[in-house]
N, C-alpha and C. Protein backbone atom coordinates (compact mmCIF):
# COMPACT_ATOMS: atom_id res chain seq x y z
N MET A 1 -81.55 -16.58 -60.43
CA MET A 1 -82.39 -17.75 -60.25
C MET A 1 -82.03 -18.73 -61.36
N SER A 2 -81.76 -19.95 -60.96
CA SER A 2 -81.51 -20.99 -61.95
C SER A 2 -82.45 -22.15 -61.66
N ARG A 3 -82.34 -23.15 -62.46
CA ARG A 3 -83.19 -24.34 -62.30
C ARG A 3 -82.97 -25.01 -60.95
N ARG A 4 -81.79 -24.86 -60.38
CA ARG A 4 -81.45 -25.56 -59.15
C ARG A 4 -81.50 -24.72 -57.89
N ARG A 5 -81.28 -23.40 -58.03
CA ARG A 5 -81.24 -22.59 -56.82
C ARG A 5 -81.43 -21.12 -57.13
N ILE A 6 -81.68 -20.39 -56.06
CA ILE A 6 -81.78 -18.95 -56.15
C ILE A 6 -80.54 -18.38 -55.46
N ILE A 7 -79.83 -17.54 -56.15
CA ILE A 7 -78.68 -16.88 -55.52
C ILE A 7 -79.23 -16.02 -54.40
N CYS A 8 -78.60 -16.07 -53.25
CA CYS A 8 -79.08 -15.29 -52.11
C CYS A 8 -79.25 -13.83 -52.51
N PRO A 9 -80.17 -13.14 -51.87
CA PRO A 9 -80.45 -11.76 -52.29
C PRO A 9 -79.24 -10.84 -52.10
N ILE A 10 -79.17 -9.89 -52.98
CA ILE A 10 -78.15 -8.85 -52.91
C ILE A 10 -78.91 -7.56 -52.67
N PHE A 11 -78.75 -6.98 -51.51
CA PHE A 11 -79.47 -5.78 -51.14
C PHE A 11 -78.66 -4.54 -51.50
N PHE A 12 -79.33 -3.50 -51.94
CA PHE A 12 -78.68 -2.22 -52.23
C PHE A 12 -79.63 -1.12 -51.82
N GLU A 13 -79.07 0.01 -51.44
CA GLU A 13 -79.90 1.10 -50.93
C GLU A 13 -79.61 2.40 -51.64
N GLU A 14 -79.17 2.31 -52.86
CA GLU A 14 -78.87 3.51 -53.63
C GLU A 14 -79.47 3.37 -55.02
N THR A 15 -79.53 4.46 -55.73
CA THR A 15 -79.98 4.41 -57.11
C THR A 15 -78.99 3.56 -57.89
N VAL A 16 -79.50 2.68 -58.71
CA VAL A 16 -78.63 1.75 -59.43
C VAL A 16 -78.18 2.37 -60.75
N LYS A 17 -77.03 3.01 -60.66
CA LYS A 17 -76.35 3.51 -61.86
C LYS A 17 -75.33 2.46 -62.23
N THR A 18 -74.61 2.69 -63.30
CA THR A 18 -73.70 1.66 -63.81
C THR A 18 -72.72 1.15 -62.76
N ALA A 19 -72.08 2.02 -62.00
CA ALA A 19 -71.10 1.58 -61.00
C ALA A 19 -71.76 0.68 -59.95
N ALA A 20 -72.92 1.06 -59.47
CA ALA A 20 -73.63 0.24 -58.48
C ALA A 20 -74.05 -1.09 -59.10
N TYR A 21 -74.51 -1.06 -60.35
CA TYR A 21 -74.92 -2.30 -61.01
C TYR A 21 -73.72 -3.24 -61.18
N MET A 22 -72.56 -2.70 -61.47
CA MET A 22 -71.37 -3.53 -61.62
C MET A 22 -71.01 -4.19 -60.28
N GLU A 23 -71.19 -3.48 -59.18
CA GLU A 23 -70.95 -4.08 -57.86
C GLU A 23 -71.94 -5.23 -57.61
N ILE A 24 -73.20 -4.99 -57.92
CA ILE A 24 -74.24 -6.01 -57.74
C ILE A 24 -73.93 -7.21 -58.64
N PHE A 25 -73.60 -6.96 -59.89
CA PHE A 25 -73.30 -8.03 -60.85
C PHE A 25 -72.11 -8.85 -60.37
N ASN A 26 -71.04 -8.19 -59.94
CA ASN A 26 -69.85 -8.92 -59.49
C ASN A 26 -70.11 -9.70 -58.21
N THR A 27 -70.93 -9.18 -57.32
CA THR A 27 -71.32 -9.93 -56.13
C THR A 27 -72.09 -11.19 -56.54
N PHE A 28 -72.97 -11.05 -57.51
CA PHE A 28 -73.72 -12.18 -58.05
C PHE A 28 -72.78 -13.21 -58.67
N VAL A 29 -71.90 -12.76 -59.54
CA VAL A 29 -70.98 -13.68 -60.23
C VAL A 29 -70.10 -14.43 -59.24
N ASN A 30 -69.69 -13.77 -58.17
CA ASN A 30 -68.84 -14.42 -57.17
C ASN A 30 -69.56 -15.53 -56.42
N GLN A 31 -70.89 -15.59 -56.50
CA GLN A 31 -71.66 -16.65 -55.85
C GLN A 31 -71.91 -17.84 -56.78
N LEU A 32 -71.50 -17.72 -58.04
CA LEU A 32 -71.74 -18.79 -59.00
C LEU A 32 -70.65 -19.84 -58.97
N GLU A 33 -71.04 -21.06 -59.26
CA GLU A 33 -70.07 -22.14 -59.43
C GLU A 33 -69.40 -21.96 -60.79
N GLU A 34 -68.21 -22.50 -60.93
CA GLU A 34 -67.46 -22.37 -62.18
C GLU A 34 -68.26 -22.86 -63.39
N GLN A 35 -69.01 -23.95 -63.22
CA GLN A 35 -69.81 -24.50 -64.32
C GLN A 35 -70.83 -23.48 -64.82
N LYS A 36 -71.47 -22.76 -63.89
CA LYS A 36 -72.47 -21.76 -64.30
C LYS A 36 -71.81 -20.66 -65.13
N LEU A 37 -70.60 -20.31 -64.78
CA LEU A 37 -69.89 -19.28 -65.56
C LEU A 37 -69.48 -19.79 -66.94
N SER A 38 -69.23 -21.08 -67.07
CA SER A 38 -68.75 -21.59 -68.35
C SER A 38 -69.87 -22.03 -69.29
N ILE A 39 -71.05 -22.42 -68.74
CA ILE A 39 -72.13 -22.86 -69.64
C ILE A 39 -73.45 -22.14 -69.41
N GLY A 40 -73.57 -21.43 -68.28
CA GLY A 40 -74.83 -20.78 -67.96
C GLY A 40 -75.08 -19.53 -68.78
N TYR A 41 -76.33 -19.12 -68.83
CA TYR A 41 -76.74 -17.88 -69.48
C TYR A 41 -77.11 -16.86 -68.43
N PHE A 42 -76.92 -15.60 -68.75
CA PHE A 42 -77.28 -14.50 -67.86
C PHE A 42 -78.36 -13.69 -68.56
N GLN A 43 -79.43 -13.39 -67.86
CA GLN A 43 -80.52 -12.60 -68.43
C GLN A 43 -80.76 -11.37 -67.58
N GLN A 44 -80.96 -10.26 -68.24
CA GLN A 44 -81.26 -9.01 -67.54
C GLN A 44 -82.24 -8.20 -68.38
N ASP A 45 -82.81 -7.18 -67.74
CA ASP A 45 -83.73 -6.32 -68.49
C ASP A 45 -82.95 -5.22 -69.20
N GLY A 46 -83.65 -4.29 -69.78
CA GLY A 46 -83.02 -3.25 -70.59
C GLY A 46 -82.76 -1.95 -69.87
N ALA A 47 -82.69 -1.97 -68.53
CA ALA A 47 -82.41 -0.74 -67.78
C ALA A 47 -81.10 -0.12 -68.26
N THR A 48 -81.04 1.17 -68.26
CA THR A 48 -79.87 1.88 -68.77
C THR A 48 -78.58 1.44 -68.09
N SER A 49 -78.61 1.28 -66.77
CA SER A 49 -77.39 0.86 -66.06
C SER A 49 -76.98 -0.56 -66.44
N HIS A 50 -77.93 -1.37 -66.86
CA HIS A 50 -77.64 -2.75 -67.25
C HIS A 50 -77.04 -2.82 -68.65
N THR A 51 -77.40 -1.88 -69.48
CA THR A 51 -77.01 -1.97 -70.90
C THR A 51 -75.96 -0.93 -71.30
N SER A 52 -75.37 -0.25 -70.33
CA SER A 52 -74.30 0.70 -70.66
C SER A 52 -73.14 -0.07 -71.27
N HIS A 53 -72.26 0.62 -71.97
CA HIS A 53 -71.10 -0.04 -72.58
C HIS A 53 -70.25 -0.73 -71.52
N THR A 54 -70.08 -0.08 -70.37
CA THR A 54 -69.28 -0.66 -69.28
C THR A 54 -69.92 -1.95 -68.78
N SER A 55 -71.22 -1.91 -68.52
CA SER A 55 -71.92 -3.09 -68.01
C SER A 55 -71.87 -4.23 -69.01
N MET A 56 -72.16 -3.93 -70.26
CA MET A 56 -72.19 -4.98 -71.27
C MET A 56 -70.81 -5.62 -71.45
N ALA A 57 -69.77 -4.81 -71.38
CA ALA A 57 -68.40 -5.35 -71.51
C ALA A 57 -68.09 -6.29 -70.34
N GLU A 58 -68.48 -5.88 -69.13
CA GLU A 58 -68.23 -6.71 -67.94
C GLU A 58 -69.01 -8.03 -68.03
N ILE A 59 -70.27 -7.95 -68.40
CA ILE A 59 -71.09 -9.15 -68.52
C ILE A 59 -70.50 -10.08 -69.57
N GLN A 60 -70.11 -9.51 -70.69
CA GLN A 60 -69.54 -10.31 -71.78
C GLN A 60 -68.24 -10.97 -71.35
N SER A 61 -67.46 -10.31 -70.49
CA SER A 61 -66.20 -10.90 -70.03
C SER A 61 -66.44 -12.18 -69.23
N PHE A 62 -67.59 -12.30 -68.60
CA PHE A 62 -67.90 -13.51 -67.83
C PHE A 62 -68.71 -14.51 -68.63
N PHE A 63 -69.65 -14.04 -69.44
CA PHE A 63 -70.59 -14.94 -70.10
C PHE A 63 -70.41 -15.04 -71.61
N GLY A 64 -69.48 -14.29 -72.18
CA GLY A 64 -69.30 -14.32 -73.63
C GLY A 64 -70.58 -13.91 -74.32
N ASP A 65 -71.04 -14.73 -75.26
CA ASP A 65 -72.30 -14.41 -75.96
C ASP A 65 -73.49 -15.09 -75.30
N ARG A 66 -73.32 -15.62 -74.09
CA ARG A 66 -74.39 -16.32 -73.39
C ARG A 66 -75.10 -15.38 -72.42
N PHE A 67 -75.60 -14.28 -72.94
CA PHE A 67 -76.42 -13.40 -72.13
C PHE A 67 -77.58 -12.89 -72.96
N ILE A 68 -78.68 -12.64 -72.27
CA ILE A 68 -79.91 -12.18 -72.91
C ILE A 68 -80.20 -10.81 -72.32
N SER A 69 -80.29 -9.84 -73.20
CA SER A 69 -80.48 -8.47 -72.74
C SER A 69 -81.32 -7.72 -73.78
N LYS A 70 -81.31 -6.43 -73.67
CA LYS A 70 -82.07 -5.55 -74.55
C LYS A 70 -81.88 -5.95 -76.01
N GLY A 71 -82.99 -6.10 -76.72
CA GLY A 71 -82.95 -6.46 -78.13
C GLY A 71 -82.99 -7.96 -78.40
N LEU A 72 -82.69 -8.76 -77.38
CA LEU A 72 -82.68 -10.22 -77.56
C LEU A 72 -83.86 -10.90 -76.86
N TRP A 73 -84.68 -10.14 -76.20
CA TRP A 73 -85.80 -10.68 -75.43
C TRP A 73 -86.97 -9.73 -75.61
N PRO A 74 -88.18 -10.23 -75.71
CA PRO A 74 -89.32 -9.33 -75.90
C PRO A 74 -89.42 -8.31 -74.75
N ARG A 75 -89.64 -7.06 -75.10
CA ARG A 75 -89.83 -6.03 -74.08
C ARG A 75 -91.12 -6.31 -73.33
N ARG A 76 -91.13 -5.89 -72.09
CA ARG A 76 -92.32 -6.04 -71.25
C ARG A 76 -92.83 -7.49 -71.27
N SER A 77 -91.97 -8.42 -70.95
CA SER A 77 -92.33 -9.83 -71.04
C SER A 77 -92.22 -10.54 -69.69
N PRO A 78 -92.93 -10.07 -68.67
CA PRO A 78 -92.82 -10.74 -67.37
C PRO A 78 -93.33 -12.17 -67.38
N ASP A 79 -94.12 -12.53 -68.38
CA ASP A 79 -94.61 -13.90 -68.46
C ASP A 79 -93.51 -14.89 -68.78
N LEU A 80 -92.34 -14.40 -69.18
CA LEU A 80 -91.28 -15.29 -69.63
C LEU A 80 -90.08 -15.33 -68.70
N THR A 81 -90.14 -14.67 -67.56
CA THR A 81 -89.01 -14.70 -66.63
C THR A 81 -89.49 -15.22 -65.28
N PRO A 82 -88.92 -16.32 -64.81
CA PRO A 82 -89.37 -16.91 -63.54
C PRO A 82 -89.42 -15.94 -62.35
N PRO A 83 -88.46 -15.04 -62.19
CA PRO A 83 -88.63 -14.11 -61.07
C PRO A 83 -89.90 -13.27 -61.19
N ASP A 84 -90.24 -12.86 -62.40
CA ASP A 84 -91.42 -12.02 -62.58
C ASP A 84 -92.72 -12.81 -62.49
N TYR A 85 -92.82 -13.95 -63.16
CA TYR A 85 -94.10 -14.65 -63.18
C TYR A 85 -94.32 -15.51 -61.94
N PHE A 86 -93.28 -15.75 -61.18
CA PHE A 86 -93.47 -16.59 -60.01
C PHE A 86 -92.85 -16.02 -58.73
N LEU A 87 -91.55 -15.81 -58.71
CA LEU A 87 -90.83 -15.59 -57.47
C LEU A 87 -91.30 -14.38 -56.67
N TRP A 88 -91.44 -13.22 -57.31
CA TRP A 88 -91.79 -12.01 -56.56
C TRP A 88 -93.14 -12.15 -55.87
N GLY A 89 -94.14 -12.67 -56.57
CA GLY A 89 -95.45 -12.86 -55.97
C GLY A 89 -95.44 -13.91 -54.87
N TYR A 90 -94.73 -14.97 -55.09
CA TYR A 90 -94.61 -16.05 -54.10
C TYR A 90 -93.97 -15.52 -52.83
N LEU A 91 -92.89 -14.77 -52.97
CA LEU A 91 -92.17 -14.27 -51.80
C LEU A 91 -92.92 -13.17 -51.06
N LYS A 92 -93.63 -12.32 -51.79
CA LYS A 92 -94.25 -11.15 -51.16
C LYS A 92 -95.16 -11.55 -49.99
N GLY A 93 -96.05 -12.48 -50.23
CA GLY A 93 -96.95 -12.90 -49.16
C GLY A 93 -96.23 -13.56 -48.00
N ARG A 94 -95.24 -14.34 -48.32
CA ARG A 94 -94.50 -15.06 -47.28
C ARG A 94 -93.62 -14.11 -46.47
N VAL A 95 -92.95 -13.20 -47.14
CA VAL A 95 -92.04 -12.27 -46.48
C VAL A 95 -92.79 -11.31 -45.56
N CYS A 96 -93.96 -10.90 -45.96
CA CYS A 96 -94.73 -9.90 -45.19
C CYS A 96 -95.67 -10.53 -44.17
N GLN A 97 -95.70 -11.85 -44.11
CA GLN A 97 -96.65 -12.55 -43.24
C GLN A 97 -96.54 -12.12 -41.77
N ASN A 98 -95.33 -11.93 -41.27
CA ASN A 98 -95.18 -11.54 -39.86
C ASN A 98 -95.00 -10.03 -39.70
N LYS A 99 -95.31 -9.27 -40.75
CA LYS A 99 -95.29 -7.80 -40.73
C LYS A 99 -93.98 -7.24 -40.17
N PRO A 100 -92.87 -7.44 -40.89
CA PRO A 100 -91.59 -6.92 -40.40
C PRO A 100 -91.66 -5.40 -40.22
N ARG A 101 -91.08 -4.90 -39.16
CA ARG A 101 -91.19 -3.48 -38.81
C ARG A 101 -89.91 -2.69 -39.10
N THR A 102 -88.83 -3.38 -39.45
CA THR A 102 -87.58 -2.68 -39.75
C THR A 102 -87.02 -3.21 -41.07
N ILE A 103 -86.13 -2.45 -41.65
CA ILE A 103 -85.47 -2.89 -42.89
C ILE A 103 -84.69 -4.18 -42.62
N ASP A 104 -84.00 -4.25 -41.49
CA ASP A 104 -83.24 -5.46 -41.16
C ASP A 104 -84.15 -6.68 -41.03
N ALA A 105 -85.32 -6.51 -40.42
CA ALA A 105 -86.26 -7.62 -40.29
C ALA A 105 -86.78 -8.04 -41.66
N LEU A 106 -87.05 -7.06 -42.52
CA LEU A 106 -87.51 -7.36 -43.88
C LEU A 106 -86.43 -8.12 -44.65
N LYS A 107 -85.20 -7.66 -44.56
CA LYS A 107 -84.08 -8.35 -45.24
C LYS A 107 -83.93 -9.78 -44.72
N ALA A 108 -84.05 -9.94 -43.41
CA ALA A 108 -83.93 -11.29 -42.83
C ALA A 108 -85.05 -12.19 -43.34
N ASN A 109 -86.28 -11.68 -43.41
CA ASN A 109 -87.39 -12.47 -43.93
C ASN A 109 -87.16 -12.85 -45.39
N ILE A 110 -86.71 -11.90 -46.19
CA ILE A 110 -86.44 -12.18 -47.62
C ILE A 110 -85.41 -13.29 -47.75
N THR A 111 -84.31 -13.16 -47.03
CA THR A 111 -83.24 -14.17 -47.10
C THR A 111 -83.76 -15.53 -46.66
N GLU A 112 -84.49 -15.58 -45.56
CA GLU A 112 -85.02 -16.84 -45.04
C GLU A 112 -85.99 -17.49 -46.03
N GLU A 113 -86.88 -16.72 -46.61
CA GLU A 113 -87.87 -17.28 -47.53
C GLU A 113 -87.24 -17.75 -48.84
N ILE A 114 -86.23 -17.04 -49.31
CA ILE A 114 -85.54 -17.48 -50.53
C ILE A 114 -84.85 -18.81 -50.26
N GLN A 115 -84.22 -18.94 -49.11
CA GLN A 115 -83.53 -20.19 -48.78
C GLN A 115 -84.51 -21.34 -48.57
N ALA A 116 -85.77 -21.02 -48.27
CA ALA A 116 -86.78 -22.06 -48.01
C ALA A 116 -87.47 -22.56 -49.28
N VAL A 117 -87.22 -21.93 -50.43
CA VAL A 117 -87.83 -22.40 -51.68
C VAL A 117 -87.25 -23.78 -51.99
N THR A 118 -88.12 -24.75 -52.15
CA THR A 118 -87.69 -26.14 -52.31
C THR A 118 -87.25 -26.45 -53.74
N ALA A 119 -86.52 -27.54 -53.86
CA ALA A 119 -86.08 -28.01 -55.18
C ALA A 119 -87.28 -28.34 -56.06
N ASP A 120 -88.34 -28.88 -55.45
CA ASP A 120 -89.55 -29.22 -56.20
C ASP A 120 -90.19 -27.96 -56.80
N VAL A 121 -90.28 -26.92 -56.01
CA VAL A 121 -90.85 -25.66 -56.50
C VAL A 121 -89.98 -25.11 -57.64
N MET A 122 -88.68 -25.17 -57.49
CA MET A 122 -87.78 -24.70 -58.55
C MET A 122 -87.97 -25.52 -59.83
N ALA A 123 -88.06 -26.83 -59.69
CA ALA A 123 -88.24 -27.70 -60.86
C ALA A 123 -89.54 -27.38 -61.58
N ARG A 124 -90.64 -27.22 -60.83
CA ARG A 124 -91.93 -26.92 -61.46
C ARG A 124 -91.91 -25.54 -62.12
N THR A 125 -91.24 -24.60 -61.51
CA THR A 125 -91.14 -23.25 -62.08
C THR A 125 -90.45 -23.31 -63.44
N PHE A 126 -89.36 -24.05 -63.53
CA PHE A 126 -88.62 -24.09 -64.78
C PHE A 126 -89.25 -25.02 -65.82
N GLN A 127 -90.04 -25.99 -65.40
CA GLN A 127 -90.80 -26.79 -66.36
C GLN A 127 -91.83 -25.88 -67.05
N ASN A 128 -92.32 -24.93 -66.30
CA ASN A 128 -93.35 -24.03 -66.80
C ASN A 128 -92.82 -23.10 -67.89
N ILE A 129 -91.54 -22.79 -67.89
CA ILE A 129 -91.01 -21.81 -68.84
C ILE A 129 -91.21 -22.27 -70.29
N ALA A 130 -91.06 -23.55 -70.56
CA ALA A 130 -91.25 -24.04 -71.94
C ALA A 130 -92.68 -23.79 -72.41
N ARG A 131 -93.65 -24.03 -71.53
CA ARG A 131 -95.05 -23.77 -71.89
C ARG A 131 -95.29 -22.28 -72.11
N ARG A 132 -94.69 -21.46 -71.29
CA ARG A 132 -94.86 -20.01 -71.42
C ARG A 132 -94.27 -19.50 -72.74
N VAL A 133 -93.08 -19.96 -73.05
CA VAL A 133 -92.45 -19.53 -74.30
C VAL A 133 -93.29 -19.99 -75.50
N GLN A 134 -93.76 -21.23 -75.47
CA GLN A 134 -94.59 -21.72 -76.57
C GLN A 134 -95.89 -20.93 -76.68
N SER A 135 -96.48 -20.57 -75.54
CA SER A 135 -97.71 -19.76 -75.56
C SER A 135 -97.48 -18.40 -76.18
N CYS A 136 -96.28 -17.88 -76.02
CA CYS A 136 -95.94 -16.59 -76.63
C CYS A 136 -95.69 -16.75 -78.13
N LEU A 137 -95.04 -17.84 -78.51
CA LEU A 137 -94.73 -18.07 -79.92
C LEU A 137 -95.97 -18.39 -80.75
N ASP A 138 -96.92 -19.13 -80.17
CA ASP A 138 -98.11 -19.55 -80.92
C ASP A 138 -98.86 -18.39 -81.57
N PRO A 139 -99.10 -17.28 -80.85
CA PRO A 139 -99.80 -16.16 -81.51
C PRO A 139 -98.82 -15.18 -82.18
N ASN A 140 -97.63 -15.67 -82.52
CA ASN A 140 -96.62 -14.84 -83.20
C ASN A 140 -96.27 -13.59 -82.40
N GLY A 141 -96.10 -13.75 -81.10
CA GLY A 141 -95.71 -12.64 -80.25
C GLY A 141 -96.86 -11.80 -79.75
N GLY A 142 -98.09 -12.13 -80.11
CA GLY A 142 -99.25 -11.38 -79.64
C GLY A 142 -99.58 -11.71 -78.20
N HIS A 143 -100.67 -11.17 -77.73
CA HIS A 143 -101.10 -11.40 -76.34
C HIS A 143 -101.59 -12.82 -76.15
N PHE A 144 -101.38 -13.35 -74.96
CA PHE A 144 -101.85 -14.69 -74.69
C PHE A 144 -102.42 -14.84 -73.28
N GLN A 145 -102.93 -13.76 -72.72
CA GLN A 145 -103.53 -13.82 -71.40
C GLN A 145 -104.77 -14.72 -71.38
N HIS A 146 -105.40 -14.88 -72.52
CA HIS A 146 -106.60 -15.70 -72.60
C HIS A 146 -106.36 -17.13 -72.13
N VAL A 147 -105.14 -17.60 -72.13
CA VAL A 147 -104.83 -18.95 -71.70
C VAL A 147 -105.18 -19.12 -70.23
N MET A 148 -105.12 -18.04 -69.45
CA MET A 148 -105.45 -18.10 -68.03
C MET A 148 -106.92 -18.41 -67.79
N MET A 149 -107.74 -18.27 -68.77
CA MET A 149 -109.17 -18.46 -68.57
C MET A 149 -109.57 -19.93 -68.73
N SER A 150 -108.67 -20.80 -68.43
CA SER A 150 -108.96 -22.23 -68.49
C SER A 150 -110.08 -22.58 -67.52
N SER A 151 -110.83 -23.62 -67.81
CA SER A 151 -111.93 -24.02 -66.93
C SER A 151 -111.43 -24.42 -65.55
N HIS A 152 -110.19 -24.90 -65.46
CA HIS A 152 -109.65 -25.27 -64.15
C HIS A 152 -109.62 -24.06 -63.23
N ILE A 153 -109.24 -22.94 -63.76
CA ILE A 153 -109.13 -21.73 -62.96
C ILE A 153 -110.52 -21.18 -62.66
N LEU A 154 -111.39 -21.18 -63.66
CA LEU A 154 -112.73 -20.64 -63.45
C LEU A 154 -113.50 -21.41 -62.39
N HIS A 155 -113.20 -22.67 -62.25
CA HIS A 155 -113.92 -23.49 -61.28
C HIS A 155 -113.12 -23.71 -59.99
N ASN A 156 -112.10 -22.89 -59.80
CA ASN A 156 -111.28 -22.93 -58.57
C ASN A 156 -110.76 -24.33 -58.27
N GLU A 157 -110.32 -25.05 -59.30
CA GLU A 157 -109.82 -26.40 -59.10
C GLU A 157 -108.32 -26.43 -58.81
N VAL A 158 -107.68 -25.27 -58.85
CA VAL A 158 -106.25 -25.21 -58.55
C VAL A 158 -106.00 -24.04 -57.63
N SER A 159 -104.91 -24.11 -56.89
CA SER A 159 -104.55 -23.02 -55.98
C SER A 159 -103.79 -21.95 -56.74
N PRO A 160 -103.65 -20.74 -56.18
CA PRO A 160 -102.87 -19.69 -56.84
C PRO A 160 -101.43 -20.13 -57.12
N LEU A 161 -100.82 -20.90 -56.21
CA LEU A 161 -99.45 -21.37 -56.45
C LEU A 161 -99.43 -22.28 -57.68
N GLN A 162 -100.41 -23.18 -57.79
CA GLN A 162 -100.46 -24.05 -58.95
C GLN A 162 -100.66 -23.24 -60.23
N ILE A 163 -101.46 -22.19 -60.15
CA ILE A 163 -101.68 -21.35 -61.33
C ILE A 163 -100.36 -20.74 -61.78
N SER A 164 -99.61 -20.17 -60.85
CA SER A 164 -98.38 -19.52 -61.24
C SER A 164 -97.34 -20.53 -61.72
N LEU A 165 -97.45 -21.78 -61.29
CA LEU A 165 -96.48 -22.78 -61.70
C LEU A 165 -96.91 -23.58 -62.92
N GLN A 166 -98.20 -23.55 -63.26
CA GLN A 166 -98.67 -24.39 -64.33
C GLN A 166 -99.21 -23.65 -65.53
N TYR A 167 -99.71 -22.46 -65.36
CA TYR A 167 -100.41 -21.82 -66.43
C TYR A 167 -99.74 -20.52 -66.86
N PRO A 168 -99.54 -20.31 -68.15
CA PRO A 168 -99.03 -19.05 -68.62
C PRO A 168 -100.06 -17.95 -68.35
N HIS A 169 -99.60 -16.75 -68.09
CA HIS A 169 -100.50 -15.61 -67.94
C HIS A 169 -99.86 -14.33 -68.41
């Protein structure tokens, strides 16, 4: 996910060990424009398959020192990654709306809904990241869920989508 678009989903049906992760990573990289490879950053979590020596060497070969991984990002920080604080929740309701009955139908719904995310939604999502990071920095890395208790939310003056796009949680 970048400020401008979401890379189409990459589906896998096996346990993600290093070899499988490298296939997923290379499929992802092959969908990027040359500019993203030369100036973009890559962020991943600290899963073992993501941080193995093989994986890290492959990632570094494409992104140099422009990657964020284990040790460079706060652990358990879903408030700071757009897929976690916005995309998964946004997609879940939309993807399951017509109650897909097969894996193929589910995959089709996921692909369709990802492609339907508008540029405006992407822009608002990424504008929100600066506020989220600042909310984390203000208490010196402590908890900041209390920010969600704004009077706007308590009085139902915003929709759930607006909450996920405007307010850190």
